[in-house]
Amino acid sequence: HCGDSGYSGGTILKCGYRAMVQGSASDLWPAVEQVGGETG
């Protein structure tokens, strides 16, 4: 809740990736919601 690396408790380190995908959020959501477990 404390924002970016200015947090007084230490530096928040990040690693992010983004990509443009054909389709709607509803099309992609099942794959997101099924992450982990047996799906991997």
PDB file of all heavy atoms in Angstrom:
ATOM      1  N   HIS A   1       0.819  -1.220   0.000  1.00  0.00           N
ATOM      2  CA  HIS A   1       0.000   0.000   0.000  1.00  0.00           C
ATOM      3  C   HIS A   1       0.851   1.268   0.000  1.00  0.00           C
ATOM      4  O   HIS A   1       0.330   2.363   0.077  1.00  0.00           O
ATOM      5  CB  HIS A   1      -0.901   0.021   1.237  1.00  0.00           C
ATOM      6  CG  HIS A   1      -1.880  -1.101   1.290  1.00  0.00           C
ATOM      7  ND1 HIS A   1      -2.984  -1.167   0.473  1.00  0.00           N
ATOM      8  CD2 HIS A   1      -1.901  -2.221   2.046  1.00  0.00           C
ATOM      9  CE1 HIS A   1      -3.668  -2.272   0.735  1.00  0.00           C
ATOM     10  NE2 HIS A   1      -3.024  -2.928   1.686  1.00  0.00           N
ATOM     11  N   CYS A   2       2.174   1.086  -0.083  1.00  0.00           N
ATOM     12  CA  CYS A   2       3.056   2.234   0.154  1.00  0.00           C
ATOM     13  C   CYS A   2       3.748   2.751  -1.095  1.00  0.00           C
ATOM     14  O   CYS A   2       4.739   3.469  -1.014  1.00  0.00           O
ATOM     15  CB  CYS A   2       4.108   1.856   1.198  1.00  0.00           C
ATOM     16  SG  CYS A   2       3.374   1.484   2.811  1.00  0.00           S
ATOM     17  N   GLY A   3       3.248   2.342  -2.245  1.00  0.00           N
ATOM     18  CA  GLY A   3       3.783   2.925  -3.469  1.00  0.00           C
ATOM     19  C   GLY A   3       5.055   2.286  -3.951  1.00  0.00           C
ATOM     20  O   GLY A   3       5.332   1.130  -3.712  1.00  0.00           O
ATOM     21  N   ASP A   4       5.885   3.070  -4.613  1.00  0.00           N
ATOM     22  CA  ASP A   4       7.044   2.551  -5.324  1.00  0.00           C
ATOM     23  C   ASP A   4       8.239   2.428  -4.390  1.00  0.00           C
ATOM     24  O   ASP A   4       8.116   2.337  -3.185  1.00  0.00           O
ATOM     25  CB  ASP A   4       7.336   3.460  -6.522  1.00  0.00           C
ATOM     26  CG  ASP A   4       8.160   2.755  -7.578  1.00  0.00           C
ATOM     27  OD1 ASP A   4       8.275   1.523  -7.521  1.00  0.00           O
ATOM     28  OD2 ASP A   4       8.671   3.460  -8.444  1.00  0.00           O
ATOM     29  N   SER A   5       9.446   2.478  -4.951  1.00  0.00           N
ATOM     30  CA  SER A   5      10.652   2.168  -4.197  1.00  0.00           C
ATOM     31  C   SER A   5      10.949   3.164  -3.081  1.00  0.00           C
ATOM     32  O   SER A   5      11.904   2.989  -2.350  1.00  0.00           O
ATOM     33  CB  SER A   5      11.849   2.081  -5.146  1.00  0.00           C
ATOM     34  OG  SER A   5      11.963   3.278  -5.894  1.00  0.00           O
ATOM     35  N   GLY A   6      10.146   4.209  -2.968  1.00  0.00           N
ATOM     36  CA  GLY A   6      10.320   5.126  -1.862  1.00  0.00           C
ATOM     37  C   GLY A   6       9.822   4.580  -0.548  1.00  0.00           C
ATOM     38  O   GLY A   6       9.943   5.236   0.479  1.00  0.00           O
ATOM     39  N   TYR A   7       9.265   3.373  -0.533  1.00  0.00           N
ATOM     40  CA  TYR A   7       8.769   2.776   0.708  1.00  0.00           C
ATOM     41  C   TYR A   7       9.879   2.748   1.751  1.00  0.00           C
ATOM     42  O   TYR A   7      10.993   2.277   1.503  1.00  0.00           O
ATOM     43  CB  TYR A   7       8.268   1.349   0.422  1.00  0.00           C
ATOM     44  CG  TYR A   7       7.953   0.557   1.659  1.00  0.00           C
ATOM     45  CD1 TYR A   7       7.021   1.008   2.582  1.00  0.00           C
ATOM     46  CD2 TYR A   7       8.598  -0.644   1.903  1.00  0.00           C
ATOM     47  CE1 TYR A   7       6.731   0.286   3.712  1.00  0.00           C
ATOM     48  CE2 TYR A   7       8.317  -1.397   3.038  1.00  0.00           C
ATOM     49  CZ  TYR A   7       7.387  -0.920   3.937  1.00  0.00           C
ATOM     50  OH  TYR A   7       7.095  -1.652   5.053  1.00  0.00           O
ATOM     51  N   SER A   8       9.586   3.243   2.963  1.00  0.00           N
ATOM     52  CA  SER A   8      10.614   3.388   3.985  1.00  0.00           C
ATOM     53  C   SER A   8      11.127   2.056   4.498  1.00  0.00           C
ATOM     54  O   SER A   8      12.196   1.984   5.087  1.00  0.00           O
ATOM     55  CB  SER A   8      10.053   4.199   5.162  1.00  0.00           C
ATOM     56  OG  SER A   8       8.927   3.537   5.731  1.00  0.00           O
ATOM     57  N   GLY A   9      10.363   0.967   4.265  1.00  0.00           N
ATOM     58  CA  GLY A   9      10.809  -0.340   4.747  1.00  0.00           C
ATOM     59  C   GLY A   9      11.805  -1.004   3.827  1.00  0.00           C
ATOM     60  O   GLY A   9      12.306  -2.085   4.138  1.00  0.00           O
ATOM     61  N   GLY A  10      12.154  -0.415   2.689  1.00  0.00           N
ATOM     62  CA  GLY A  10      13.130  -1.016   1.791  1.00  0.00           C
ATOM     63  C   GLY A  10      12.759  -0.811   0.336  1.00  0.00           C
ATOM     64  O   GLY A  10      11.738  -0.215  -0.001  1.00  0.00           O
ATOM     65  N   THR A  11      13.611  -1.323  -0.532  1.00  0.00           N
ATOM     66  CA  THR A  11      13.407  -1.185  -1.966  1.00  0.00           C
ATOM     67  C   THR A  11      12.524  -2.299  -2.493  1.00  0.00           C
ATOM     68  O   THR A  11      12.757  -3.485  -2.228  1.00  0.00           O
ATOM     69  CB  THR A  11      14.766  -1.233  -2.693  1.00  0.00           C
ATOM     70  OG1 THR A  11      15.576  -0.154  -2.223  1.00  0.00           O
ATOM     71  CG2 THR A  11      14.570  -1.113  -4.192  1.00  0.00           C
ATOM     72  N   ILE A  12      11.510  -1.932  -3.258  1.00  0.00           N
ATOM     73  CA  ILE A  12      10.642  -2.917  -3.881  1.00  0.00           C
ATOM     74  C   ILE A  12      11.192  -3.229  -5.268  1.00  0.00           C
ATOM     75  O   ILE A  12      11.294  -2.351  -6.123  1.00  0.00           O
ATOM     76  CB  ILE A  12       9.195  -2.382  -3.984  1.00  0.00           C
ATOM     77  CG1 ILE A  12       8.649  -2.057  -2.589  1.00  0.00           C
ATOM     78  CG2 ILE A  12       8.296  -3.428  -4.659  1.00  0.00           C
ATOM     79  CD1 ILE A  12       7.325  -1.338  -2.609  1.00  0.00           C
ATOM     80  N   LEU A  13      11.555  -4.481  -5.475  1.00  0.00           N
ATOM     81  CA  LEU A  13      12.149  -4.921  -6.742  1.00  0.00           C
ATOM     82  C   LEU A  13      11.056  -5.483  -7.638  1.00  0.00           C
ATOM     83  O   LEU A  13      10.097  -6.101  -7.161  1.00  0.00           O
ATOM     84  CB  LEU A  13      13.219  -5.984  -6.479  1.00  0.00           C
ATOM     85  CG  LEU A  13      14.325  -5.535  -5.509  1.00  0.00           C
ATOM     86  CD1 LEU A  13      15.228  -6.697  -5.152  1.00  0.00           C
ATOM     87  CD2 LEU A  13      15.130  -4.394  -6.121  1.00  0.00           C
ATOM     88  N   LYS A  14      11.204  -5.293  -8.975  1.00  0.00           N
ATOM     89  CA  LYS A  14      10.121  -5.652  -9.892  1.00  0.00           C
ATOM     90  C   LYS A  14      10.664  -6.322 -11.143  1.00  0.00           C
ATOM     91  O   LYS A  14      11.791  -6.042 -11.569  1.00  0.00           O
ATOM     92  CB  LYS A  14       9.323  -4.424 -10.321  1.00  0.00           C
ATOM     93  CG  LYS A  14       8.995  -3.456  -9.211  1.00  0.00           C
ATOM     94  CD  LYS A  14       8.380  -2.198  -9.761  1.00  0.00           C
ATOM     95  CE  LYS A  14       8.471  -1.076  -8.751  1.00  0.00           C
ATOM     96  NZ  LYS A  14       9.843  -0.603  -8.549  1.00  0.00           N
ATOM     97  N   CYS A  15       9.828  -7.187 -11.697  1.00  0.00           N
ATOM     98  CA  CYS A  15      10.110  -7.773 -13.004  1.00  0.00           C
ATOM     99  C   CYS A  15       8.783  -7.903 -13.727  1.00  0.00           C
ATOM    100  O   CYS A  15       7.892  -8.633 -13.264  1.00  0.00           O
ATOM    101  CB  CYS A  15      10.776  -9.131 -12.872  1.00  0.00           C
ATOM    102  SG  CYS A  15      11.151  -9.920 -14.455  1.00  0.00           S
ATOM    103  N   GLY A  16       8.598  -7.164 -14.842  1.00  0.00           N
ATOM    104  CA  GLY A  16       7.325  -7.161 -15.536  1.00  0.00           C
ATOM    105  C   GLY A  16       7.461  -7.433 -17.019  1.00  0.00           C
ATOM    106  O   GLY A  16       8.469  -7.069 -17.634  1.00  0.00           O
ATOM    107  N   TYR A  17       6.438  -8.090 -17.577  1.00  0.00           N
ATOM    108  CA  TYR A  17       6.368  -8.324 -19.017  1.00  0.00           C
ATOM    109  C   TYR A  17       4.953  -8.018 -19.492  1.00  0.00           C
ATOM    110  O   TYR A  17       3.975  -8.216 -18.752  1.00  0.00           O
ATOM    111  CB  TYR A  17       6.734  -9.769 -19.368  1.00  0.00           C
ATOM    112  CG  TYR A  17       8.215  -9.979 -19.511  1.00  0.00           C
ATOM    113  CD1 TYR A  17       9.001 -10.197 -18.377  1.00  0.00           C
ATOM    114  CD2 TYR A  17       8.840  -9.917 -20.745  1.00  0.00           C
ATOM    115  CE1 TYR A  17      10.383 -10.366 -18.491  1.00  0.00           C
ATOM    116  CE2 TYR A  17      10.217 -10.088 -20.867  1.00  0.00           C
ATOM    117  CZ  TYR A  17      10.968 -10.305 -19.735  1.00  0.00           C
ATOM    118  OH  TYR A  17      12.328 -10.455 -19.866  1.00  0.00           O
ATOM    119  N   ARG A  18       4.848  -7.520 -20.736  1.00  0.00           N
ATOM    120  CA  ARG A  18       3.544  -7.201 -21.307  1.00  0.00           C
ATOM    121  C   ARG A  18       3.542  -7.572 -22.784  1.00  0.00           C
ATOM    122  O   ARG A  18       4.575  -7.591 -23.450  1.00  0.00           O
ATOM    123  CB  ARG A  18       3.205  -5.733 -21.105  1.00  0.00           C
ATOM    124  CG  ARG A  18       4.110  -4.787 -21.847  1.00  0.00           C
ATOM    125  CD  ARG A  18       4.141  -3.370 -21.256  1.00  0.00           C
ATOM    126  NE  ARG A  18       2.857  -2.901 -20.782  1.00  0.00           N
ATOM    127  CZ  ARG A  18       2.714  -1.842 -19.983  1.00  0.00           C
ATOM    128  NH1 ARG A  18       3.784  -1.155 -19.598  1.00  0.00           N
ATOM    129  NH2 ARG A  18       1.548  -1.455 -19.585  1.00  0.00           N
ATOM    130  N   ALA A  19       2.356  -7.898 -23.294  1.00  0.00           N
ATOM    131  CA  ALA A  19       2.209  -8.237 -24.716  1.00  0.00           C
ATOM    132  C   ALA A  19       0.798  -7.911 -25.150  1.00  0.00           C
ATOM    133  O   ALA A  19      -0.154  -8.023 -24.370  1.00  0.00           O
ATOM    134  CB  ALA A  19       2.504  -9.714 -24.958  1.00  0.00           C
ATOM    135  N   MET A  20       0.642  -7.493 -26.395  1.00  0.00           N
ATOM    136  CA  MET A  20      -0.672  -7.226 -26.968  1.00  0.00           C
ATOM    137  C   MET A  20      -1.202  -8.541 -27.546  1.00  0.00           C
ATOM    138  O   MET A  20      -0.488  -9.276 -28.231  1.00  0.00           O
ATOM    139  CB  MET A  20      -0.580  -6.174 -28.064  1.00  0.00           C
ATOM    140  CG  MET A  20      -1.895  -5.470 -28.340  1.00  0.00           C
ATOM    141  SD  MET A  20      -2.460  -4.484 -26.929  1.00  0.00           S
ATOM    142  CE  MET A  20      -1.243  -3.172 -26.906  1.00  0.00           C
ATOM    143  N   VAL A  21      -2.478  -8.829 -27.224  1.00  0.00           N
ATOM    144  CA  VAL A  21      -3.071 -10.109 -27.608  1.00  0.00           C
ATOM    145  C   VAL A  21      -4.370  -9.860 -28.363  1.00  0.00           C
ATOM    146  O   VAL A  21      -5.142  -8.948 -28.026  1.00  0.00           O
ATOM    147  CB  VAL A  21      -3.361 -10.979 -26.363  1.00  0.00           C
ATOM    148  CG1 VAL A  21      -3.895 -12.348 -26.770  1.00  0.00           C
ATOM    149  CG2 VAL A  21      -2.105 -11.126 -25.512  1.00  0.00           C
ATOM    150  N   GLN A  22      -4.613 -10.663 -29.358  1.00  0.00           N
ATOM    151  CA  GLN A  22      -5.886 -10.597 -30.076  1.00  0.00           C
ATOM    152  C   GLN A  22      -6.952 -11.266 -29.227  1.00  0.00           C
ATOM    153  O   GLN A  22      -6.759 -12.354 -28.708  1.00  0.00           O
ATOM    154  CB  GLN A  22      -5.773 -11.310 -31.424  1.00  0.00           C
ATOM    155  CG  GLN A  22      -7.013 -11.208 -32.287  1.00  0.00           C
ATOM    156  CD  GLN A  22      -6.836 -11.943 -33.612  1.00  0.00           C
ATOM    157  OE1 GLN A  22      -6.271 -13.032 -33.635  1.00  0.00           O
ATOM    158  NE2 GLN A  22      -7.291 -11.352 -34.696  1.00  0.00           N
ATOM    159  N   GLY A  23      -8.084 -10.595 -29.088  1.00  0.00           N
ATOM    160  CA  GLY A  23      -9.165 -11.150 -28.293  1.00  0.00           C
ATOM    161  C   GLY A  23      -9.544 -10.236 -27.144  1.00  0.00           C
ATOM    162  O   GLY A  23      -8.876  -9.229 -26.868  1.00  0.00           O
ATOM    163  N   SER A  24     -10.614 -10.581 -26.467  1.00  0.00           N
ATOM    164  CA  SER A  24     -11.125  -9.763 -25.363  1.00  0.00           C
ATOM    165  C   SER A  24     -10.615 -10.299 -24.020  1.00  0.00           C
ATOM    166  O   SER A  24     -10.051 -11.390 -23.933  1.00  0.00           O
ATOM    167  CB  SER A  24     -12.649  -9.795 -25.365  1.00  0.00           C
ATOM    168  OG  SER A  24     -13.122 -11.104 -25.066  1.00  0.00           O
ATOM    169  N   ALA A  25     -10.849  -9.517 -22.976  1.00  0.00           N
ATOM    170  CA  ALA A  25     -10.470  -9.951 -21.632  1.00  0.00           C
ATOM    171  C   ALA A  25     -11.205 -11.234 -21.246  1.00  0.00           C
ATOM    172  O   ALA A  25     -10.636 -12.131 -20.621  1.00  0.00           O
ATOM    173  CB  ALA A  25     -10.762  -8.835 -20.629  1.00  0.00           C
ATOM    174  N   SER A  26     -12.467 -11.323 -21.640  1.00  0.00           N
ATOM    175  CA  SER A  26     -13.250 -12.529 -21.329  1.00  0.00           C
ATOM    176  C   SER A  26     -12.688 -13.761 -22.028  1.00  0.00           C
ATOM    177  O   SER A  26     -12.783 -14.876 -21.512  1.00  0.00           O
ATOM    178  CB  SER A  26     -14.720 -12.324 -21.730  1.00  0.00           C
ATOM    179  OG  SER A  26     -15.288 -11.269 -20.986  1.00  0.00           O
ATOM    180  N   ASP A  27     -12.103 -13.559 -23.213  1.00  0.00           N
ATOM    181  CA  ASP A  27     -11.484 -14.677 -23.926  1.00  0.00           C
ATOM    182  C   ASP A  27     -10.255 -15.198 -23.180  1.00  0.00           C
ATOM    183  O   ASP A  27      -9.994 -16.402 -23.134  1.00  0.00           O
ATOM    184  CB  ASP A  27     -11.063 -14.251 -25.333  1.00  0.00           C
ATOM    185  CG  ASP A  27     -12.247 -13.907 -26.230  1.00  0.00           C
ATOM    186  OD1 ASP A  27     -13.333 -14.471 -26.013  1.00  0.00           O
ATOM    187  OD2 ASP A  27     -12.075 -13.063 -27.136  1.00  0.00           O
ATOM    188  N   LEU A  28      -9.482 -14.283 -22.618  1.00  0.00           N
ATOM    189  CA  LEU A  28      -8.224 -14.642 -21.975  1.00  0.00           C
ATOM    190  C   LEU A  28      -8.383 -15.081 -20.521  1.00  0.00           C
ATOM    191  O   LEU A  28      -7.557 -15.833 -20.000  1.00  0.00           O
ATOM    192  CB  LEU A  28      -7.253 -13.462 -22.022  1.00  0.00           C
ATOM    193  CG  LEU A  28      -6.610 -13.148 -23.370  1.00  0.00           C
ATOM    194  CD1 LEU A  28      -5.857 -11.840 -23.287  1.00  0.00           C
ATOM    195  CD2 LEU A  28      -5.664 -14.271 -23.772  1.00  0.00           C
ATOM    196  N   TRP A  29      -9.438 -14.617 -19.874  1.00  0.00           N
ATOM    197  CA  TRP A  29      -9.559 -14.822 -18.426  1.00  0.00           C
ATOM    198  C   TRP A  29      -9.535 -16.290 -17.992  1.00  0.00           C
ATOM    199  O   TRP A  29      -8.883 -16.619 -16.981  1.00  0.00           O
ATOM    200  CB  TRP A  29     -10.805 -14.136 -17.880  1.00  0.00           C
ATOM    201  CG  TRP A  29     -10.940 -14.327 -16.399  1.00  0.00           C
ATOM    202  CD1 TRP A  29     -11.818 -15.123 -15.728  1.00  0.00           C
ATOM    203  CD2 TRP A  29     -10.116 -13.714 -15.391  1.00  0.00           C
ATOM    204  NE1 TRP A  29     -11.608 -15.050 -14.375  1.00  0.00           N
ATOM    205  CE2 TRP A  29     -10.573 -14.189 -14.144  1.00  0.00           C
ATOM    206  CE3 TRP A  29      -9.046 -12.816 -15.429  1.00  0.00           C
ATOM    207  CZ2 TRP A  29      -9.991 -13.792 -12.944  1.00  0.00           C
ATOM    208  CZ3 TRP A  29      -8.458 -12.433 -14.227  1.00  0.00           C
ATOM    209  CH2 TRP A  29      -8.937 -12.915 -13.016  1.00  0.00           C
ATOM    210  N   PRO A  30     -10.218 -17.226 -18.671  1.00  0.00           N
ATOM    211  CA  PRO A  30     -10.158 -18.622 -18.216  1.00  0.00           C
ATOM    212  C   PRO A  30      -8.740 -19.144 -18.088  1.00  0.00           C
ATOM    213  O   PRO A  30      -8.432 -19.897 -17.150  1.00  0.00           O
ATOM    214  CB  PRO A  30     -10.947 -19.372 -19.294  1.00  0.00           C
ATOM    215  CG  PRO A  30     -11.906 -18.359 -19.830  1.00  0.00           C
ATOM    216  CD  PRO A  30     -11.142 -17.063 -19.815  1.00  0.00           C
ATOM    217  N   ALA A  31      -7.854 -18.772 -19.003  1.00  0.00           N
ATOM    218  CA  ALA A  31      -6.465 -19.227 -18.910  1.00  0.00           C
ATOM    219  C   ALA A  31      -5.779 -18.632 -17.684  1.00  0.00           C
ATOM    220  O   ALA A  31      -4.979 -19.297 -17.019  1.00  0.00           O
ATOM    221  CB  ALA A  31      -5.697 -18.856 -20.172  1.00  0.00           C
ATOM    222  N   VAL A  32      -6.088 -17.377 -17.369  1.00  0.00           N
ATOM    223  CA  VAL A  32      -5.517 -16.745 -16.181  1.00  0.00           C
ATOM    224  C   VAL A  32      -6.045 -17.413 -14.915  1.00  0.00           C
ATOM    225  O   VAL A  32      -5.279 -17.752 -14.007  1.00  0.00           O
ATOM    226  CB  VAL A  32      -5.841 -15.235 -16.170  1.00  0.00           C
ATOM    227  CG1 VAL A  32      -5.399 -14.603 -14.845  1.00  0.00           C
ATOM    228  CG2 VAL A  32      -5.181 -14.535 -17.341  1.00  0.00           C
ATOM    229  N   GLU A  33      -7.344 -17.639 -14.857  1.00  0.00           N
ATOM    230  CA  GLU A  33      -7.962 -18.179 -13.645  1.00  0.00           C
ATOM    231  C   GLU A  33      -7.554 -19.630 -13.391  1.00  0.00           C
ATOM    232  O   GLU A  33      -7.595 -20.101 -12.256  1.00  0.00           O
ATOM    233  CB  GLU A  33      -9.487 -18.084 -13.738  1.00  0.00           C
ATOM    234  CG  GLU A  33     -10.191 -18.381 -12.433  1.00  0.00           C
ATOM    235  CD  GLU A  33     -11.686 -18.136 -12.501  1.00  0.00           C
ATOM    236  OE1 GLU A  33     -12.215 -17.967 -13.615  1.00  0.00           O
ATOM    237  OE2 GLU A  33     -12.326 -18.116 -11.436  1.00  0.00           O
ATOM    238  N   GLN A  34      -7.136 -20.345 -14.427  1.00  0.00           N
ATOM    239  CA  GLN A  34      -6.765 -21.747 -14.261  1.00  0.00           C
ATOM    240  C   GLN A  34      -5.270 -21.956 -14.046  1.00  0.00           C
ATOM    241  O   GLN A  34      -4.796 -23.088 -14.022  1.00  0.00           O
ATOM    242  CB  GLN A  34      -7.228 -22.534 -15.497  1.00  0.00           C
ATOM    243  CG  GLN A  34      -8.736 -22.634 -15.620  1.00  0.00           C
ATOM    244  CD  GLN A  34      -9.192 -23.203 -16.942  1.00  0.00           C
ATOM    245  OE1 GLN A  34      -8.481 -24.001 -17.550  1.00  0.00           O
ATOM    246  NE2 GLN A  34     -10.369 -22.804 -17.395  1.00  0.00           N
ATOM    247  N   VAL A  35      -4.518 -20.896 -13.823  1.00  0.00           N
ATOM    248  CA  VAL A  35      -3.074 -21.012 -13.656  1.00  0.00           C
ATOM    249  C   VAL A  35      -2.754 -21.851 -12.420  1.00  0.00           C
ATOM    250  O   VAL A  35      -3.470 -21.829 -11.416  1.00  0.00           O
ATOM    251  CB  VAL A  35      -2.422 -19.615 -13.551  1.00  0.00           C
ATOM    252  CG1 VAL A  35      -2.815 -18.918 -12.246  1.00  0.00           C
ATOM    253  CG2 VAL A  35      -0.920 -19.704 -13.695  1.00  0.00           C
ATOM    254  N   GLY A  36      -1.656 -22.592 -12.473  1.00  0.00           N
ATOM    255  CA  GLY A  36      -1.227 -23.387 -11.335  1.00  0.00           C
ATOM    256  C   GLY A  36      -1.959 -24.708 -11.226  1.00  0.00           C
ATOM    257  O   GLY A  36      -2.753 -25.085 -12.082  1.00  0.00           O
ATOM    258  N   GLY A  37      -1.697 -25.429 -10.146  1.00  0.00           N
ATOM    259  CA  GLY A  37      -2.334 -26.719  -9.942  1.00  0.00           C
ATOM    260  C   GLY A  37      -1.994 -27.686 -11.051  1.00  0.00           C
ATOM    261  O   GLY A  37      -0.861 -27.744 -11.548  1.00  0.00           O
ATOM    262  N   GLU A  38      -2.991 -28.451 -11.495  1.00  0.00           N
ATOM    263  CA  GLU A  38      -2.775 -29.430 -12.557  1.00  0.00           C
ATOM    264  C   GLU A  38      -2.470 -28.755 -13.897  1.00  0.00           C
ATOM    265  O   GLU A  38      -1.785 -29.320 -14.751  1.00  0.00           O
ATOM    266  CB  GLU A  38      -4.000 -30.328 -12.701  1.00  0.00           C
ATOM    267  CG  GLU A  38      -4.246 -31.225 -11.496  1.00  0.00           C
ATOM    268  CD  GLU A  38      -5.458 -32.108 -11.701  1.00  0.00           C
ATOM    269  OE1 GLU A  38      -5.919 -32.241 -12.858  1.00  0.00           O
ATOM    270  OE2 GLU A  38      -5.952 -32.667 -10.707  1.00  0.00           O
ATOM    271  N   THR A  39      -2.969 -27.531 -14.084  1.00  0.00           N
ATOM    272  CA  THR A  39      -2.722 -26.829 -15.348  1.00  0.00           C
ATOM    273  C   THR A  39      -1.276 -26.414 -15.493  1.00  0.00           C
ATOM    274  O   THR A  39      -0.717 -26.414 -16.592  1.00  0.00           O
ATOM    275  CB  THR A  39      -3.628 -25.577 -15.434  1.00  0.00           C
ATOM    276  OG1 THR A  39      -4.990 -25.980 -15.354  1.00  0.00           O
ATOM    277  CG2 THR A  39      -3.394 -24.823 -16.735  1.00  0.00           C
ATOM    278  N   GLY A  40      -0.645 -26.063 -14.391  1.00  0.00           N
ATOM    279  CA  GLY A  40       0.725 -25.575 -14.450  1.00  0.00           C
ATOM    280  C   GLY A  40       0.778 -24.089 -14.752  1.00  0.00           C
ATOM    281  O   GLY A  40      -0.227 -23.375 -14.646  1.00  0.00           O
TER     282      GLY A  40
END
